[in-house]
Amino acid sequence: MLENYLIVHKSILPEYFETVLKAKHLLEEGKAKNVMQATKMVGISRSTYYKYKDYILEPIRISDGRKAVISMLLSHETGILSHVLSVISQAGASILTITQSLPVHGNASVTITLDISAMPAAITSLLKDIDDCQGVENAKLIAID
């Protein structure tokens, strides 16, 4: 996953990239109750926020750490979540939390927080293994600490 990213000095990027980060921080810190409020506070449109929010990461948030948050869409079929949890366990990560939405149109959104301190391989390897599981779509790293 990280092979798809570049580290670029923010001085050469459009200002709205940093503004999207500010909006993300407001939401994470609870200073804004929702995306509409956060985007209004920093002066960008909601469409700009949604267009870039998953593609802008700060280097301090992608360094090797102890906890990782991943999100994915799972097909609403018996055993898929169980298989994903098995893949995580086999990689040496421990599950801290699981949040799953109700299935809509046959898919459920799942967010998993992991303790990755004992993992011998990189988180990118685990993400690829999860994404390769049958019934899993769009597995991505949301945060790492």
N, C-alpha and C. Protein backbone atom coordinates (compact mmCIF):
# COMPACT_ATOMS: atom_id res chain seq x y z
N MET A 1 0.80 -1.19 0.00
CA MET A 1 0.00 0.00 0.00
C MET A 1 0.85 1.26 0.00
N LEU A 2 1.87 1.34 0.86
CA LEU A 2 2.68 2.54 0.94
C LEU A 2 3.49 2.78 -0.32
N GLU A 3 3.66 1.76 -1.15
CA GLU A 3 4.38 1.97 -2.39
C GLU A 3 3.61 2.87 -3.35
N ASN A 4 2.34 3.13 -3.07
CA ASN A 4 1.52 4.01 -3.90
C ASN A 4 1.59 5.47 -3.46
N TYR A 5 2.39 5.77 -2.44
CA TYR A 5 2.46 7.12 -1.89
C TYR A 5 3.82 7.73 -2.16
N LEU A 6 3.82 9.06 -2.22
CA LEU A 6 5.05 9.84 -2.33
C LEU A 6 5.09 10.78 -1.14
N ILE A 7 6.28 11.11 -0.69
CA ILE A 7 6.40 12.15 0.33
C ILE A 7 6.83 13.40 -0.41
N VAL A 8 5.97 14.41 -0.33
CA VAL A 8 6.18 15.65 -1.06
C VAL A 8 6.09 16.79 -0.05
N HIS A 9 6.98 17.76 -0.16
CA HIS A 9 6.92 18.91 0.74
C HIS A 9 5.62 19.66 0.49
N LYS A 10 4.93 20.00 1.56
CA LYS A 10 3.62 20.63 1.44
C LYS A 10 3.65 22.01 0.80
N SER A 11 4.82 22.65 0.76
CA SER A 11 4.90 23.99 0.17
C SER A 11 4.62 23.99 -1.33
N ILE A 12 4.77 22.83 -1.99
CA ILE A 12 4.51 22.80 -3.44
C ILE A 12 3.12 22.27 -3.79
N LEU A 13 2.36 21.91 -2.77
CA LEU A 13 1.01 21.38 -3.00
C LEU A 13 -0.04 22.48 -2.86
N PRO A 14 -1.18 22.30 -3.50
CA PRO A 14 -2.27 23.26 -3.29
C PRO A 14 -2.65 23.32 -1.81
N GLU A 15 -3.05 24.48 -1.35
CA GLU A 15 -3.35 24.71 0.06
C GLU A 15 -4.46 23.81 0.58
N TYR A 16 -5.39 23.42 -0.30
CA TYR A 16 -6.53 22.63 0.18
C TYR A 16 -6.13 21.24 0.68
N PHE A 17 -4.96 20.72 0.28
CA PHE A 17 -4.52 19.43 0.83
C PHE A 17 -4.30 19.54 2.34
N GLU A 18 -3.60 20.59 2.75
CA GLU A 18 -3.37 20.79 4.18
C GLU A 18 -4.69 21.12 4.89
N THR A 19 -5.58 21.80 4.21
CA THR A 19 -6.87 22.14 4.80
C THR A 19 -7.71 20.89 5.03
N VAL A 20 -7.61 19.93 4.14
CA VAL A 20 -8.30 18.64 4.33
C VAL A 20 -7.77 17.97 5.59
N LEU A 21 -6.46 18.01 5.80
CA LEU A 21 -5.88 17.45 7.03
C LEU A 21 -6.41 18.15 8.27
N LYS A 22 -6.54 19.48 8.19
CA LYS A 22 -7.08 20.23 9.33
C LYS A 22 -8.50 19.78 9.65
N ALA A 23 -9.29 19.57 8.61
CA ALA A 23 -10.67 19.11 8.81
C ALA A 23 -10.68 17.71 9.43
N LYS A 24 -9.79 16.83 8.98
CA LYS A 24 -9.69 15.48 9.55
C LYS A 24 -9.34 15.56 11.04
N HIS A 25 -8.40 16.45 11.38
CA HIS A 25 -8.00 16.61 12.79
C HIS A 25 -9.17 17.11 13.63
N LEU A 26 -9.93 18.06 13.11
CA LEU A 26 -11.09 18.58 13.86
C LEU A 26 -12.08 17.46 14.17
N LEU A 27 -12.29 16.59 13.20
CA LEU A 27 -13.20 15.46 13.41
C LEU A 27 -12.63 14.46 14.40
N GLU A 28 -11.34 14.13 14.27
CA GLU A 28 -10.70 13.16 15.16
C GLU A 28 -10.69 13.65 16.61
N GLU A 29 -10.48 14.95 16.78
CA GLU A 29 -10.38 15.53 18.12
C GLU A 29 -11.74 15.88 18.71
N GLY A 30 -12.80 15.72 17.93
CA GLY A 30 -14.14 16.02 18.42
C GLY A 30 -14.46 17.51 18.45
N LYS A 31 -13.64 18.32 17.80
CA LYS A 31 -13.89 19.76 17.76
C LYS A 31 -14.95 20.12 16.72
N ALA A 32 -15.21 19.19 15.83
CA ALA A 32 -16.29 19.32 14.85
C ALA A 32 -17.16 18.07 14.97
N LYS A 33 -18.46 18.25 14.95
CA LYS A 33 -19.37 17.12 15.15
C LYS A 33 -19.57 16.29 13.90
N ASN A 34 -19.39 16.91 12.73
CA ASN A 34 -19.59 16.18 11.49
C ASN A 34 -18.76 16.83 10.38
N VAL A 35 -18.76 16.20 9.22
CA VAL A 35 -17.95 16.69 8.10
C VAL A 35 -18.38 18.08 7.68
N MET A 36 -19.68 18.32 7.66
CA MET A 36 -20.17 19.63 7.24
C MET A 36 -19.60 20.73 8.14
N GLN A 37 -19.62 20.50 9.43
CA GLN A 37 -19.12 21.48 10.37
C GLN A 37 -17.59 21.65 10.22
N ALA A 38 -16.87 20.56 10.08
CA ALA A 38 -15.41 20.62 9.94
C ALA A 38 -15.01 21.37 8.68
N THR A 39 -15.67 21.08 7.57
CA THR A 39 -15.31 21.74 6.31
C THR A 39 -15.65 23.23 6.35
N LYS A 40 -16.73 23.56 7.01
CA LYS A 40 -17.11 24.97 7.16
C LYS A 40 -16.08 25.71 8.00
N MET A 41 -15.59 25.04 9.06
CA MET A 41 -14.61 25.66 9.96
C MET A 41 -13.28 25.95 9.25
N VAL A 42 -12.89 25.09 8.31
CA VAL A 42 -11.60 25.28 7.63
C VAL A 42 -11.74 25.94 6.26
N GLY A 43 -12.96 26.10 5.79
CA GLY A 43 -13.19 26.84 4.55
C GLY A 43 -13.02 26.07 3.26
N ILE A 44 -13.38 24.78 3.27
CA ILE A 44 -13.37 24.00 2.03
C ILE A 44 -14.74 23.39 1.82
N SER A 45 -14.98 22.92 0.61
CA SER A 45 -16.25 22.26 0.33
C SER A 45 -16.21 20.81 0.83
N ARG A 46 -17.40 20.26 1.07
CA ARG A 46 -17.46 18.85 1.46
C ARG A 46 -16.95 17.96 0.35
N SER A 47 -17.20 18.33 -0.89
CA SER A 47 -16.73 17.50 -2.01
C SER A 47 -15.20 17.46 -2.05
N THR A 48 -14.53 18.57 -1.75
CA THR A 48 -13.07 18.57 -1.68
C THR A 48 -12.59 17.65 -0.58
N TYR A 49 -13.23 17.73 0.57
CA TYR A 49 -12.87 16.87 1.70
C TYR A 49 -13.01 15.40 1.32
N TYR A 50 -14.17 15.02 0.78
CA TYR A 50 -14.40 13.62 0.45
C TYR A 50 -13.50 13.13 -0.69
N LYS A 51 -13.14 14.02 -1.60
CA LYS A 51 -12.29 13.63 -2.72
C LYS A 51 -10.89 13.26 -2.26
N TYR A 52 -10.37 13.95 -1.23
CA TYR A 52 -8.98 13.77 -0.85
C TYR A 52 -8.74 13.13 0.51
N LYS A 53 -9.74 12.96 1.35
CA LYS A 53 -9.54 12.53 2.74
C LYS A 53 -8.83 11.19 2.87
N ASP A 54 -9.06 10.27 1.98
CA ASP A 54 -8.44 8.94 2.07
C ASP A 54 -7.07 8.87 1.40
N TYR A 55 -6.65 9.96 0.78
CA TYR A 55 -5.40 9.94 0.03
C TYR A 55 -4.33 10.86 0.61
N ILE A 56 -4.65 11.56 1.68
CA ILE A 56 -3.70 12.45 2.31
C ILE A 56 -3.39 11.91 3.70
N LEU A 57 -2.14 11.52 3.91
CA LEU A 57 -1.70 11.00 5.19
C LEU A 57 -0.47 11.78 5.63
N GLU A 58 -0.33 11.96 6.92
CA GLU A 58 0.86 12.60 7.44
C GLU A 58 1.90 11.53 7.74
N PRO A 59 3.18 11.79 7.47
CA PRO A 59 4.21 10.77 7.70
C PRO A 59 4.20 10.23 9.12
N ILE A 60 3.88 11.05 10.11
CA ILE A 60 3.85 10.55 11.48
C ILE A 60 2.74 9.54 11.69
N ARG A 61 1.75 9.54 10.82
CA ARG A 61 0.64 8.62 10.95
C ARG A 61 0.84 7.33 10.17
N ILE A 62 1.90 7.23 9.37
CA ILE A 62 2.12 6.00 8.62
C ILE A 62 3.41 5.30 9.03
N SER A 63 4.08 5.81 10.03
CA SER A 63 5.28 5.13 10.50
C SER A 63 4.89 3.86 11.24
N ASP A 64 5.85 2.99 11.41
CA ASP A 64 5.57 1.75 12.12
C ASP A 64 5.17 2.07 13.55
N GLY A 65 4.08 1.50 13.99
CA GLY A 65 3.58 1.78 15.32
C GLY A 65 3.01 0.54 15.96
N ARG A 66 2.21 0.73 16.96
CA ARG A 66 1.66 -0.38 17.72
C ARG A 66 0.19 -0.66 17.38
N LYS A 67 -0.54 0.34 16.91
CA LYS A 67 -1.95 0.14 16.59
C LYS A 67 -2.21 0.57 15.16
N ALA A 68 -3.11 -0.16 14.51
CA ALA A 68 -3.51 0.19 13.16
C ALA A 68 -5.02 0.06 13.05
N VAL A 69 -5.61 0.92 12.24
CA VAL A 69 -7.04 0.86 11.97
C VAL A 69 -7.20 0.60 10.48
N ILE A 70 -7.92 -0.47 10.16
CA ILE A 70 -8.17 -0.80 8.76
C ILE A 70 -9.67 -0.83 8.52
N SER A 71 -10.06 -0.55 7.29
CA SER A 71 -11.47 -0.62 6.94
C SER A 71 -11.62 -1.39 5.65
N MET A 72 -12.79 -1.99 5.47
CA MET A 72 -13.05 -2.80 4.27
C MET A 72 -14.54 -3.00 4.09
N LEU A 73 -14.92 -3.44 2.93
CA LEU A 73 -16.29 -3.86 2.66
C LEU A 73 -16.29 -5.38 2.55
N LEU A 74 -17.22 -6.01 3.26
CA LEU A 74 -17.33 -7.47 3.21
C LEU A 74 -18.66 -7.87 2.62
N SER A 75 -18.63 -8.88 1.77
CA SER A 75 -19.88 -9.45 1.25
C SER A 75 -20.63 -10.09 2.40
N HIS A 76 -21.94 -9.99 2.38
CA HIS A 76 -22.76 -10.56 3.45
C HIS A 76 -22.95 -12.05 3.19
N GLU A 77 -21.89 -12.81 3.48
CA GLU A 77 -21.91 -14.26 3.31
C GLU A 77 -21.30 -14.90 4.57
N THR A 78 -21.78 -16.06 4.92
CA THR A 78 -21.30 -16.76 6.10
C THR A 78 -19.81 -17.05 6.00
N GLY A 79 -19.07 -16.73 7.06
CA GLY A 79 -17.66 -17.09 7.18
C GLY A 79 -16.65 -16.10 6.67
N ILE A 80 -17.07 -15.04 6.00
CA ILE A 80 -16.09 -14.10 5.44
C ILE A 80 -15.38 -13.33 6.54
N LEU A 81 -16.11 -12.78 7.49
CA LEU A 81 -15.46 -12.06 8.59
C LEU A 81 -14.57 -13.01 9.39
N SER A 82 -15.04 -14.21 9.60
CA SER A 82 -14.25 -15.21 10.33
C SER A 82 -12.92 -15.48 9.62
N HIS A 83 -12.97 -15.58 8.30
CA HIS A 83 -11.75 -15.82 7.53
C HIS A 83 -10.79 -14.63 7.64
N VAL A 84 -11.32 -13.41 7.57
CA VAL A 84 -10.49 -12.21 7.70
C VAL A 84 -9.81 -12.18 9.07
N LEU A 85 -10.56 -12.52 10.12
CA LEU A 85 -10.01 -12.54 11.47
C LEU A 85 -8.91 -13.59 11.59
N SER A 86 -9.08 -14.70 10.90
CA SER A 86 -8.06 -15.75 10.89
C SER A 86 -6.78 -15.26 10.21
N VAL A 87 -6.93 -14.55 9.10
CA VAL A 87 -5.78 -13.99 8.38
C VAL A 87 -5.03 -13.01 9.29
N ILE A 88 -5.77 -12.20 10.00
CA ILE A 88 -5.16 -11.23 10.92
C ILE A 88 -4.39 -11.96 12.02
N SER A 89 -5.00 -12.97 12.59
CA SER A 89 -4.37 -13.75 13.65
C SER A 89 -3.10 -14.43 13.15
N GLN A 90 -3.16 -15.02 11.97
CA GLN A 90 -2.00 -15.71 11.41
C GLN A 90 -0.85 -14.74 11.13
N ALA A 91 -1.17 -13.47 10.90
CA ALA A 91 -0.13 -12.47 10.63
C ALA A 91 0.54 -12.00 11.92
N GLY A 92 -0.01 -12.39 13.07
CA GLY A 92 0.59 -12.00 14.34
C GLY A 92 0.00 -10.76 14.96
N ALA A 93 -1.10 -10.25 14.41
CA ALA A 93 -1.76 -9.06 14.96
C ALA A 93 -2.85 -9.50 15.92
N SER A 94 -3.14 -8.64 16.88
CA SER A 94 -4.23 -8.89 17.82
C SER A 94 -5.36 -7.89 17.56
N ILE A 95 -6.57 -8.37 17.61
CA ILE A 95 -7.72 -7.51 17.34
C ILE A 95 -8.12 -6.79 18.63
N LEU A 96 -8.21 -5.47 18.53
CA LEU A 96 -8.61 -4.65 19.67
C LEU A 96 -10.10 -4.31 19.61
N THR A 97 -10.58 -3.89 18.43
CA THR A 97 -12.00 -3.60 18.26
C THR A 97 -12.45 -4.00 16.86
N ILE A 98 -13.74 -4.30 16.75
CA ILE A 98 -14.37 -4.55 15.45
C ILE A 98 -15.68 -3.77 15.42
N THR A 99 -15.86 -2.99 14.38
CA THR A 99 -17.12 -2.27 14.18
C THR A 99 -17.66 -2.66 12.81
N GLN A 100 -18.89 -3.14 12.80
CA GLN A 100 -19.48 -3.60 11.55
C GLN A 100 -20.84 -2.95 11.37
N SER A 101 -21.10 -2.45 10.15
CA SER A 101 -22.41 -1.88 9.86
C SER A 101 -23.37 -2.99 9.44
N LEU A 102 -24.64 -2.67 9.41
CA LEU A 102 -25.61 -3.61 8.87
C LEU A 102 -25.37 -3.74 7.36
N PRO A 103 -25.55 -4.92 6.81
CA PRO A 103 -25.35 -5.08 5.37
C PRO A 103 -26.37 -4.26 4.56
N VAL A 104 -25.87 -3.57 3.57
CA VAL A 104 -26.70 -2.82 2.64
C VAL A 104 -26.32 -3.27 1.24
N HIS A 105 -27.29 -3.70 0.48
CA HIS A 105 -27.05 -4.21 -0.87
C HIS A 105 -26.01 -5.34 -0.87
N GLY A 106 -26.05 -6.16 0.17
CA GLY A 106 -25.19 -7.34 0.23
C GLY A 106 -23.78 -7.10 0.74
N ASN A 107 -23.47 -5.87 1.18
CA ASN A 107 -22.13 -5.57 1.69
C ASN A 107 -22.23 -4.87 3.04
N ALA A 108 -21.28 -5.17 3.92
CA ALA A 108 -21.20 -4.51 5.22
C ALA A 108 -19.85 -3.83 5.33
N SER A 109 -19.85 -2.64 5.88
CA SER A 109 -18.61 -1.92 6.14
C SER A 109 -18.06 -2.39 7.49
N VAL A 110 -16.77 -2.74 7.52
CA VAL A 110 -16.14 -3.24 8.74
C VAL A 110 -14.87 -2.43 9.00
N THR A 111 -14.73 -1.98 10.24
CA THR A 111 -13.52 -1.29 10.68
C THR A 111 -12.92 -2.09 11.83
N ILE A 112 -11.63 -2.39 11.72
CA ILE A 112 -10.96 -3.21 12.73
C ILE A 112 -9.74 -2.44 13.24
N THR A 113 -9.61 -2.36 14.56
CA THR A 113 -8.42 -1.78 15.19
C THR A 113 -7.55 -2.93 15.67
N LEU A 114 -6.28 -2.86 15.32
CA LEU A 114 -5.35 -3.96 15.59
C LEU A 114 -4.18 -3.51 16.44
N ASP A 115 -3.67 -4.41 17.25
CA ASP A 115 -2.37 -4.23 17.88
C ASP A 115 -1.39 -4.97 16.96
N ILE A 116 -0.49 -4.22 16.34
CA ILE A 116 0.42 -4.82 15.36
C ILE A 116 1.86 -4.90 15.88
N SER A 117 2.03 -4.68 17.18
CA SER A 117 3.38 -4.64 17.74
C SER A 117 4.12 -5.98 17.62
N ALA A 118 3.40 -7.09 17.56
CA ALA A 118 4.06 -8.41 17.48
C ALA A 118 4.13 -8.95 16.05
N MET A 119 3.67 -8.17 15.09
CA MET A 119 3.69 -8.64 13.70
C MET A 119 5.11 -8.64 13.14
N PRO A 120 5.54 -9.77 12.57
CA PRO A 120 6.88 -9.80 11.98
C PRO A 120 6.94 -9.11 10.62
N ALA A 121 5.83 -9.08 9.90
CA ALA A 121 5.81 -8.48 8.56
C ALA A 121 5.21 -7.08 8.63
N ALA A 122 5.32 -6.35 7.54
CA ALA A 122 4.77 -5.00 7.45
C ALA A 122 3.26 -5.04 7.35
N ILE A 123 2.63 -3.96 7.78
CA ILE A 123 1.17 -3.84 7.71
C ILE A 123 0.69 -3.92 6.26
N THR A 124 1.51 -3.48 5.32
CA THR A 124 1.12 -3.54 3.91
C THR A 124 0.91 -4.98 3.46
N SER A 125 1.71 -5.88 3.99
CA SER A 125 1.56 -7.30 3.66
C SER A 125 0.23 -7.84 4.17
N LEU A 126 -0.12 -7.47 5.39
CA LEU A 126 -1.41 -7.89 5.95
C LEU A 126 -2.56 -7.32 5.14
N LEU A 127 -2.48 -6.06 4.76
CA LEU A 127 -3.54 -5.44 3.96
C LEU A 127 -3.73 -6.18 2.64
N LYS A 128 -2.64 -6.56 2.00
CA LYS A 128 -2.74 -7.30 0.74
C LYS A 128 -3.40 -8.66 0.97
N ASP A 129 -3.00 -9.35 2.05
CA ASP A 129 -3.60 -10.66 2.36
C ASP A 129 -5.10 -10.53 2.62
N ILE A 130 -5.50 -9.48 3.33
CA ILE A 130 -6.92 -9.27 3.60
C ILE A 130 -7.65 -8.95 2.31
N ASP A 131 -7.08 -8.07 1.51
CA ASP A 131 -7.72 -7.67 0.25
C ASP A 131 -7.86 -8.85 -0.71
N ASP A 132 -6.96 -9.85 -0.59
CA ASP A 132 -7.01 -11.03 -1.45
C ASP A 132 -8.07 -12.05 -1.01
N CYS A 133 -8.63 -11.87 0.17
CA CYS A 133 -9.65 -12.81 0.67
C CYS A 133 -10.92 -12.70 -0.17
N GLN A 134 -11.54 -13.83 -0.43
CA GLN A 134 -12.79 -13.84 -1.16
C GLN A 134 -13.85 -13.10 -0.35
N GLY A 135 -14.59 -12.21 -1.00
CA GLY A 135 -15.66 -11.47 -0.34
C GLY A 135 -15.21 -10.17 0.30
N VAL A 136 -13.92 -9.84 0.18
CA VAL A 136 -13.40 -8.59 0.74
C VAL A 136 -13.13 -7.61 -0.39
N GLU A 137 -13.59 -6.38 -0.19
CA GLU A 137 -13.34 -5.33 -1.16
C GLU A 137 -12.74 -4.13 -0.45
N ASN A 138 -11.83 -3.47 -1.12
CA ASN A 138 -11.35 -2.16 -0.69
C ASN A 138 -10.77 -2.13 0.73
N ALA A 139 -9.93 -3.09 1.06
CA ALA A 139 -9.26 -3.05 2.37
C ALA A 139 -8.22 -1.95 2.35
N LYS A 140 -8.29 -1.06 3.32
CA LYS A 140 -7.33 0.04 3.34
C LYS A 140 -6.97 0.44 4.75
N LEU A 141 -5.79 1.00 4.87
CA LEU A 141 -5.27 1.49 6.14
C LEU A 141 -5.85 2.87 6.40
N ILE A 142 -6.50 3.03 7.54
CA ILE A 142 -7.08 4.32 7.90
C ILE A 142 -6.12 5.12 8.75
N ALA A 143 -5.50 4.47 9.71
CA ALA A 143 -4.55 5.16 10.62
C ALA A 143 -3.60 4.14 11.21
N ILE A 144 -2.46 4.65 11.64
CA ILE A 144 -1.50 3.83 12.36
C ILE A 144 -0.87 4.70 13.43
N ASP A 145 -0.67 4.10 14.60
CA ASP A 145 -0.15 4.88 15.72
C ASP A 145 0.90 4.07 16.45
